[in-house]
């Protein structure tokens, strides 16, 4: 599902990633752990095509068999929208829209039919236990509910891989546990691949594999 070789990233003279190699299989749940400043989020953003390695010409990054480093910006944006989902620590829901509308947005960007999208969004929200919260705006939802809406939004285009950056970092213990269990339920139901950056030891230990980063490299 994901093959990355020699991923380097510089910010000025600061070398954040020092030639990371990574191979993640379809349907795997992989946790990336390590101290702050190790390069975890930078790596996640590059794997998710939100950023590019400094050495794009020398690096390899394939997602779902697509060589994403060779795609033009417009084609890359389309690929990202269709094949990749994102979940962030702060849900990034648009406050003026309802839960249902927030979930629909990536599919509308993909020019999918409005009625079809709304039906699919309703199904996902029901699956996530939010059938009675669809018409609520983010400020009317609990933190755990907001994060589940963000998960639904990440799922709406049926992506092959979902990248999550500290997805439970802003949740209470119970909500975090529920979210973690949800990831595994989704994997078992839809065979989706999850790559999760986390400081949550319980979540990291649940993963199929735990990769530790230190000083810009995967060390285990």
C-alpha atoms as a PDB file:
ATOM      1  CA  UNK A   1       0.000   0.000   0.000  1.00  0.00           C
ATOM      2  CA  UNK A   2       2.799   2.458   0.897  1.00  0.00           C
ATOM      3  CA  UNK A   3       6.426   2.194  -0.190  1.00  0.00           C
ATOM      4  CA  UNK A   4       8.786   4.985   0.832  1.00  0.00           C
ATOM      5  CA  UNK A   5      12.540   5.053   0.315  1.00  0.00           C
ATOM      6  CA  UNK A   6      15.129   7.681   1.209  1.00  0.00           C
ATOM      7  CA  UNK A   7      12.647  10.321   2.367  1.00  0.00           C
ATOM      8  CA  UNK A   8      14.598  13.423   3.401  1.00  0.00           C
ATOM      9  CA  UNK A   9      13.309  16.781   4.555  1.00  0.00           C
ATOM     10  CA  UNK A  10      15.224  19.965   5.278  1.00  0.00           C
ATOM     11  CA  UNK A  11      13.916  23.246   6.649  1.00  0.00           C
ATOM     12  CA  UNK A  12      16.774  25.558   5.867  1.00  0.00           C
ATOM     13  CA  UNK A  13      19.836  23.926   7.427  1.00  0.00           C
ATOM     14  CA  UNK A  14      17.738  21.773   9.761  1.00  0.00           C
ATOM     15  CA  UNK A  15      17.524  18.149   8.630  1.00  0.00           C
ATOM     16  CA  UNK A  16      14.201  16.831   9.949  1.00  0.00           C
ATOM     17  CA  UNK A  17      14.048  13.534   8.030  1.00  0.00           C
ATOM     18  CA  UNK A  18      17.329  11.783   7.295  1.00  0.00           C
ATOM     19  CA  UNK A  19      16.424   9.202   4.660  1.00  0.00           C
ATOM     20  CA  UNK A  20      13.410   7.314   5.970  1.00  0.00           C
ATOM     21  CA  UNK A  21      12.521   3.914   4.483  1.00  0.00           C
ATOM     22  CA  UNK A  22       9.058   2.469   5.079  1.00  0.00           C
ATOM     23  CA  UNK A  23       6.799  -0.292   3.743  1.00  0.00           C
ATOM     24  CA  UNK A  24       3.168  -0.594   4.895  1.00  0.00           C
ATOM     25  CA  UNK A  25       0.828  -3.339   3.692  1.00  0.00           C
ATOM     26  CA  UNK A  26      -2.845  -3.047   2.736  1.00  0.00           C
ATOM     27  CA  UNK A  27      -5.077  -3.380   5.798  1.00  0.00           C
ATOM     28  CA  UNK A  28      -2.303  -2.729   8.325  1.00  0.00           C
ATOM     29  CA  UNK A  29      -2.667  -0.398  11.279  1.00  0.00           C
ATOM     30  CA  UNK A  30       0.740   1.146  11.922  1.00  0.00           C
ATOM     31  CA  UNK A  31       1.545   3.476  14.813  1.00  0.00           C
ATOM     32  CA  UNK A  32       4.459   5.905  14.553  1.00  0.00           C
ATOM     33  CA  UNK A  33       5.798   6.925  17.957  1.00  0.00           C
ATOM     34  CA  UNK A  34       8.717   8.890  19.302  1.00  0.00           C
ATOM     35  CA  UNK A  35       9.616  12.096  21.137  1.00  0.00           C
ATOM     36  CA  UNK A  36       8.501  15.527  20.010  1.00  0.00           C
ATOM     37  CA  UNK A  37      10.745  16.799  17.239  1.00  0.00           C
ATOM     38  CA  UNK A  38      11.579  13.315  15.949  1.00  0.00           C
ATOM     39  CA  UNK A  39       9.958  14.053  12.570  1.00  0.00           C
ATOM     40  CA  UNK A  40       6.730  12.050  12.970  1.00  0.00           C
ATOM     41  CA  UNK A  41       4.272  14.667  11.727  1.00  0.00           C
ATOM     42  CA  UNK A  42       6.607  15.757   8.916  1.00  0.00           C
ATOM     43  CA  UNK A  43       6.814  12.144   7.737  1.00  0.00           C
ATOM     44  CA  UNK A  44       3.040  11.727   7.973  1.00  0.00           C
ATOM     45  CA  UNK A  45       2.453  14.861   5.896  1.00  0.00           C
ATOM     46  CA  UNK A  46       4.837  13.622   3.202  1.00  0.00           C
ATOM     47  CA  UNK A  47       3.341  10.123   3.144  1.00  0.00           C
ATOM     48  CA  UNK A  48      -0.087  11.742   2.855  1.00  0.00           C
ATOM     49  CA  UNK A  49       1.092  13.971  -0.047  1.00  0.00           C
ATOM     50  CA  UNK A  50       0.449  17.188   1.886  1.00  0.00           C
ATOM     51  CA  UNK A  51       4.171  17.971   1.642  1.00  0.00           C
ATOM     52  CA  UNK A  52       7.072  16.766  -0.482  1.00  0.00           C
ATOM     53  CA  UNK A  53      10.531  15.525   0.476  1.00  0.00           C
ATOM     54  CA  UNK A  54      13.371  17.917  -0.179  1.00  0.00           C
ATOM     55  CA  UNK A  55      15.023  15.248  -2.346  1.00  0.00           C
ATOM     56  CA  UNK A  56      11.965  14.501  -4.502  1.00  0.00           C
ATOM     57  CA  UNK A  57      14.109  13.445  -7.466  1.00  0.00           C
ATOM     58  CA  UNK A  58      16.049  10.875  -5.433  1.00  0.00           C
ATOM     59  CA  UNK A  59      13.248   9.641  -3.166  1.00  0.00           C
ATOM     60  CA  UNK A  60      10.550   7.039  -3.842  1.00  0.00           C
ATOM     61  CA  UNK A  61       7.002   7.316  -2.546  1.00  0.00           C
ATOM     62  CA  UNK A  62       4.274   5.025  -3.860  1.00  0.00           C
ATOM     63  CA  UNK A  63       0.756   5.035  -2.423  1.00  0.00           C
ATOM     64  CA  UNK A  64      -1.629   2.370  -3.718  1.00  0.00           C
ATOM     65  CA  UNK A  65       0.899   1.654  -6.507  1.00  0.00           C
ATOM     66  CA  UNK A  66       0.899   5.294  -7.652  1.00  0.00           C
ATOM     67  CA  UNK A  67       4.236   7.109  -7.833  1.00  0.00           C
ATOM     68  CA  UNK A  68       2.931  10.274  -6.155  1.00  0.00           C
ATOM     69  CA  UNK A  69       6.175  12.253  -6.329  1.00  0.00           C
ATOM     70  CA  UNK A  70       5.912  12.333 -10.125  1.00  0.00           C
ATOM     71  CA  UNK A  71       2.343  13.688 -10.251  1.00  0.00           C
ATOM     72  CA  UNK A  72       1.548  17.271 -11.227  1.00  0.00           C
ATOM     73  CA  UNK A  73      -0.202  19.347  -8.564  1.00  0.00           C
ATOM     74  CA  UNK A  74      -3.713  19.094 -10.017  1.00  0.00           C
ATOM     75  CA  UNK A  75      -3.461  15.333 -10.562  1.00  0.00           C
ATOM     76  CA  UNK A  76      -1.969  14.904  -7.094  1.00  0.00           C
ATOM     77  CA  UNK A  77      -4.849  16.822  -5.500  1.00  0.00           C
ATOM     78  CA  UNK A  78      -7.333  14.568  -7.293  1.00  0.00           C
ATOM     79  CA  UNK A  79      -5.452  11.445  -6.198  1.00  0.00           C
ATOM     80  CA  UNK A  80      -5.342  12.671  -2.589  1.00  0.00           C
ATOM     81  CA  UNK A  81      -9.057  13.408  -2.561  1.00  0.00           C
ATOM     82  CA  UNK A  82      -9.968   9.991  -3.977  1.00  0.00           C
ATOM     83  CA  UNK A  83      -7.497   7.692  -2.220  1.00  0.00           C
ATOM     84  CA  UNK A  84      -6.418   9.304   1.066  1.00  0.00           C
ATOM     85  CA  UNK A  85      -8.287  10.303   4.224  1.00  0.00           C
ATOM     86  CA  UNK A  86      -6.979  12.513   7.031  1.00  0.00           C
ATOM     87  CA  UNK A  87      -7.833  12.738  10.719  1.00  0.00           C
ATOM     88  CA  UNK A  88      -6.178  15.443  12.815  1.00  0.00           C
ATOM     89  CA  UNK A  89      -5.926  16.094  16.553  1.00  0.00           C
ATOM     90  CA  UNK A  90      -8.159  19.134  16.175  1.00  0.00           C
ATOM     91  CA  UNK A  91     -11.024  17.916  14.028  1.00  0.00           C
ATOM     92  CA  UNK A  92     -10.953  20.899  11.609  1.00  0.00           C
ATOM     93  CA  UNK A  93     -14.715  20.808  11.095  1.00  0.00           C
ATOM     94  CA  UNK A  94     -16.246  23.880   9.467  1.00  0.00           C
ATOM     95  CA  UNK A  95     -18.357  25.544  12.185  1.00  0.00           C
ATOM     96  CA  UNK A  96     -21.067  26.916   9.871  1.00  0.00           C
ATOM     97  CA  UNK A  97     -21.994  23.476   8.511  1.00  0.00           C
ATOM     98  CA  UNK A  98     -23.830  20.554  10.105  1.00  0.00           C
ATOM     99  CA  UNK A  99     -22.181  17.215  10.790  1.00  0.00           C
ATOM    100  CA  UNK A 100     -23.741  15.779   7.636  1.00  0.00           C
ATOM    101  CA  UNK A 101     -22.587  18.718   5.507  1.00  0.00           C
ATOM    102  CA  UNK A 102     -19.037  18.511   6.893  1.00  0.00           C
ATOM    103  CA  UNK A 103     -18.847  14.832   5.997  1.00  0.00           C
ATOM    104  CA  UNK A 104     -20.084  15.478   2.452  1.00  0.00           C
ATOM    105  CA  UNK A 105     -17.511  18.142   1.549  1.00  0.00           C
ATOM    106  CA  UNK A 106     -14.677  15.881   0.214  1.00  0.00           C
ATOM    107  CA  UNK A 107     -17.176  13.998  -1.980  1.00  0.00           C
ATOM    108  CA  UNK A 108     -18.626  17.251  -3.316  1.00  0.00           C
ATOM    109  CA  UNK A 109     -15.064  18.319  -4.179  1.00  0.00           C
ATOM    110  CA  UNK A 110     -14.804  15.052  -6.139  1.00  0.00           C
ATOM    111  CA  UNK A 111     -17.955  16.098  -8.062  1.00  0.00           C
ATOM    112  CA  UNK A 112     -20.019  13.148  -6.892  1.00  0.00           C
ATOM    113  CA  UNK A 113     -23.831  13.441  -7.155  1.00  0.00           C
ATOM    114  CA  UNK A 114     -25.297  15.339  -4.200  1.00  0.00           C
ATOM    115  CA  UNK A 115     -28.056  12.855  -3.340  1.00  0.00           C
ATOM    116  CA  UNK A 116     -25.731   9.862  -3.568  1.00  0.00           C
ATOM    117  CA  UNK A 117     -23.178  11.604  -1.346  1.00  0.00           C
ATOM    118  CA  UNK A 118     -25.746  12.503   1.297  1.00  0.00           C
ATOM    119  CA  UNK A 119     -27.039   8.925   1.424  1.00  0.00           C
ATOM    120  CA  UNK A 120     -23.495   7.578   1.834  1.00  0.00           C
ATOM    121  CA  UNK A 121     -22.685  10.197   4.497  1.00  0.00           C
ATOM    122  CA  UNK A 122     -25.804   9.236   6.446  1.00  0.00           C
ATOM    123  CA  UNK A 123     -24.785   5.557   6.314  1.00  0.00           C
ATOM    124  CA  UNK A 124     -21.308   6.335   7.655  1.00  0.00           C
ATOM    125  CA  UNK A 125     -22.625   8.573  10.428  1.00  0.00           C
ATOM    126  CA  UNK A 126     -25.087   5.867  11.420  1.00  0.00           C
ATOM    127  CA  UNK A 127     -22.253   3.315  11.442  1.00  0.00           C
ATOM    128  CA  UNK A 128     -20.334   5.632  13.784  1.00  0.00           C
ATOM    129  CA  UNK A 129     -23.302   6.010  16.132  1.00  0.00           C
ATOM    130  CA  UNK A 130     -24.197   9.551  15.104  1.00  0.00           C
ATOM    131  CA  UNK A 131     -27.597   8.997  13.490  1.00  0.00           C
ATOM    132  CA  UNK A 132     -29.240  11.496  15.849  1.00  0.00           C
ATOM    133  CA  UNK A 133     -26.500  14.146  15.494  1.00  0.00           C
ATOM    134  CA  UNK A 134     -26.392  14.646  11.720  1.00  0.00           C
ATOM    135  CA  UNK A 135     -28.112  18.048  11.747  1.00  0.00           C
ATOM    136  CA  UNK A 136     -26.050  19.408  14.627  1.00  0.00           C
ATOM    137  CA  UNK A 137     -23.249  21.901  14.066  1.00  0.00           C
ATOM    138  CA  UNK A 138     -19.814  21.249  15.609  1.00  0.00           C
ATOM    139  CA  UNK A 139     -20.386  23.525  18.621  1.00  0.00           C
ATOM    140  CA  UNK A 140     -23.404  21.379  19.516  1.00  0.00           C
ATOM    141  CA  UNK A 141     -21.352  18.167  19.614  1.00  0.00           C
ATOM    142  CA  UNK A 142     -19.053  16.740  22.287  1.00  0.00           C
ATOM    143  CA  UNK A 143     -15.340  16.367  21.589  1.00  0.00           C
ATOM    144  CA  UNK A 144     -15.718  12.667  20.906  1.00  0.00           C
ATOM    145  CA  UNK A 145     -18.666  13.280  18.573  1.00  0.00           C
ATOM    146  CA  UNK A 146     -16.752  15.950  16.672  1.00  0.00           C
ATOM    147  CA  UNK A 147     -13.850  13.573  16.173  1.00  0.00           C
ATOM    148  CA  UNK A 148     -16.181  10.826  14.914  1.00  0.00           C
ATOM    149  CA  UNK A 149     -17.609  13.313  12.405  1.00  0.00           C
ATOM    150  CA  UNK A 150     -14.019  13.981  11.305  1.00  0.00           C
ATOM    151  CA  UNK A 151     -13.539  10.224  10.909  1.00  0.00           C
ATOM    152  CA  UNK A 152     -16.714  10.042   8.800  1.00  0.00           C
ATOM    153  CA  UNK A 153     -15.408  12.872   6.612  1.00  0.00           C
ATOM    154  CA  UNK A 154     -12.152  10.968   6.139  1.00  0.00           C
ATOM    155  CA  UNK A 155     -14.137   7.899   5.045  1.00  0.00           C
ATOM    156  CA  UNK A 156     -16.640   9.498   2.644  1.00  0.00           C
ATOM    157  CA  UNK A 157     -14.606   8.847  -0.514  1.00  0.00           C
ATOM    158  CA  UNK A 158     -13.760   5.285   0.588  1.00  0.00           C
ATOM    159  CA  UNK A 159     -10.010   5.988   0.731  1.00  0.00           C
ATOM    160  CA  UNK A 160      -7.458   3.211   0.599  1.00  0.00           C
ATOM    161  CA  UNK A 161      -5.368   4.697   3.406  1.00  0.00           C
ATOM    162  CA  UNK A 162      -6.128   6.979   6.342  1.00  0.00           C
ATOM    163  CA  UNK A 163      -3.467   9.127   7.998  1.00  0.00           C
ATOM    164  CA  UNK A 164      -4.156  10.232  11.560  1.00  0.00           C
ATOM    165  CA  UNK A 165      -2.045  12.783  13.453  1.00  0.00           C
ATOM    166  CA  UNK A 166      -2.589  12.515  17.236  1.00  0.00           C
ATOM    167  CA  UNK A 167      -6.274  11.679  16.599  1.00  0.00           C
ATOM    168  CA  UNK A 168      -7.105  11.152  20.277  1.00  0.00           C
ATOM    169  CA  UNK A 169      -4.788  13.813  21.684  1.00  0.00           C
ATOM    170  CA  UNK A 170      -7.643  16.210  22.390  1.00  0.00           C
ATOM    171  CA  UNK A 171     -10.087  13.630  23.821  1.00  0.00           C
ATOM    172  CA  UNK A 172     -10.878  12.373  27.300  1.00  0.00           C
ATOM    173  CA  UNK A 173      -9.872   8.818  28.191  1.00  0.00           C
ATOM    174  CA  UNK A 174     -13.221   7.205  27.372  1.00  0.00           C
ATOM    175  CA  UNK A 175     -13.617   9.004  24.042  1.00  0.00           C
ATOM    176  CA  UNK A 176     -10.023   8.153  23.118  1.00  0.00           C
ATOM    177  CA  UNK A 177     -10.594   4.468  23.871  1.00  0.00           C
ATOM    178  CA  UNK A 178     -13.766   4.470  21.760  1.00  0.00           C
ATOM    179  CA  UNK A 179     -11.943   6.135  18.870  1.00  0.00           C
ATOM    180  CA  UNK A 180      -9.090   3.639  19.017  1.00  0.00           C
ATOM    181  CA  UNK A 181     -11.500   0.697  18.940  1.00  0.00           C
ATOM    182  CA  UNK A 182     -13.300   2.339  16.020  1.00  0.00           C
ATOM    183  CA  UNK A 183     -10.135   2.313  13.895  1.00  0.00           C
ATOM    184  CA  UNK A 184      -9.870  -1.457  14.258  1.00  0.00           C
ATOM    185  CA  UNK A 185     -13.559  -1.925  13.561  1.00  0.00           C
ATOM    186  CA  UNK A 186     -13.186   0.100  10.358  1.00  0.00           C
ATOM    187  CA  UNK A 187     -10.125  -1.877   9.311  1.00  0.00           C
ATOM    188  CA  UNK A 188     -11.936  -5.166   9.866  1.00  0.00           C
ATOM    189  CA  UNK A 189     -15.051  -3.914   8.061  1.00  0.00           C
ATOM    190  CA  UNK A 190     -13.467  -2.149   5.080  1.00  0.00           C
ATOM    191  CA  UNK A 191      -9.824  -3.376   5.002  1.00  0.00           C
ATOM    192  CA  UNK A 192      -8.531   0.177   5.163  1.00  0.00           C
ATOM    193  CA  UNK A 193      -4.932   0.973   6.017  1.00  0.00           C
ATOM    194  CA  UNK A 194      -4.220   3.305   8.955  1.00  0.00           C
ATOM    195  CA  UNK A 195      -1.002   5.194   9.643  1.00  0.00           C
ATOM    196  CA  UNK A 196      -1.247   6.886  13.021  1.00  0.00           C
ATOM    197  CA  UNK A 197       1.150   9.299  14.708  1.00  0.00           C
ATOM    198  CA  UNK A 198       0.468   9.136  18.413  1.00  0.00           C
ATOM    199  CA  UNK A 199       1.840   9.704  21.911  1.00  0.00           C
ATOM    200  CA  UNK A 200      -0.928   7.466  23.266  1.00  0.00           C
ATOM    201  CA  UNK A 201       0.796   4.317  24.490  1.00  0.00           C
ATOM    202  CA  UNK A 202      -2.421   2.281  24.589  1.00  0.00           C
ATOM    203  CA  UNK A 203      -3.208   3.046  20.954  1.00  0.00           C
ATOM    204  CA  UNK A 204       0.358   2.395  19.824  1.00  0.00           C
ATOM    205  CA  UNK A 205       0.384  -0.971  21.571  1.00  0.00           C
ATOM    206  CA  UNK A 206      -2.899  -1.981  19.883  1.00  0.00           C
ATOM    207  CA  UNK A 207      -1.463  -1.412  16.398  1.00  0.00           C
ATOM    208  CA  UNK A 208      -0.275  -4.231  14.139  1.00  0.00           C
ATOM    209  CA  UNK A 209       3.141  -2.574  14.119  1.00  0.00           C
ATOM    210  CA  UNK A 210       4.730   0.178  16.163  1.00  0.00           C
ATOM    211  CA  UNK A 211       7.497   2.175  14.476  1.00  0.00           C
ATOM    212  CA  UNK A 212       9.672   4.360  16.662  1.00  0.00           C
ATOM    213  CA  UNK A 213      11.211   7.529  15.277  1.00  0.00           C
ATOM    214  CA  UNK A 214      14.229   9.279  16.711  1.00  0.00           C
ATOM    215  CA  UNK A 215      16.218  12.157  15.235  1.00  0.00           C
ATOM    216  CA  UNK A 216      14.605  11.903  11.811  1.00  0.00           C
ATOM    217  CA  UNK A 217      14.904   8.139  11.346  1.00  0.00           C
ATOM    218  CA  UNK A 218      12.864   5.012  12.110  1.00  0.00           C
ATOM    219  CA  UNK A 219      14.991   3.204  14.662  1.00  0.00           C
ATOM    220  CA  UNK A 220      13.162  -0.106  15.122  1.00  0.00           C
END
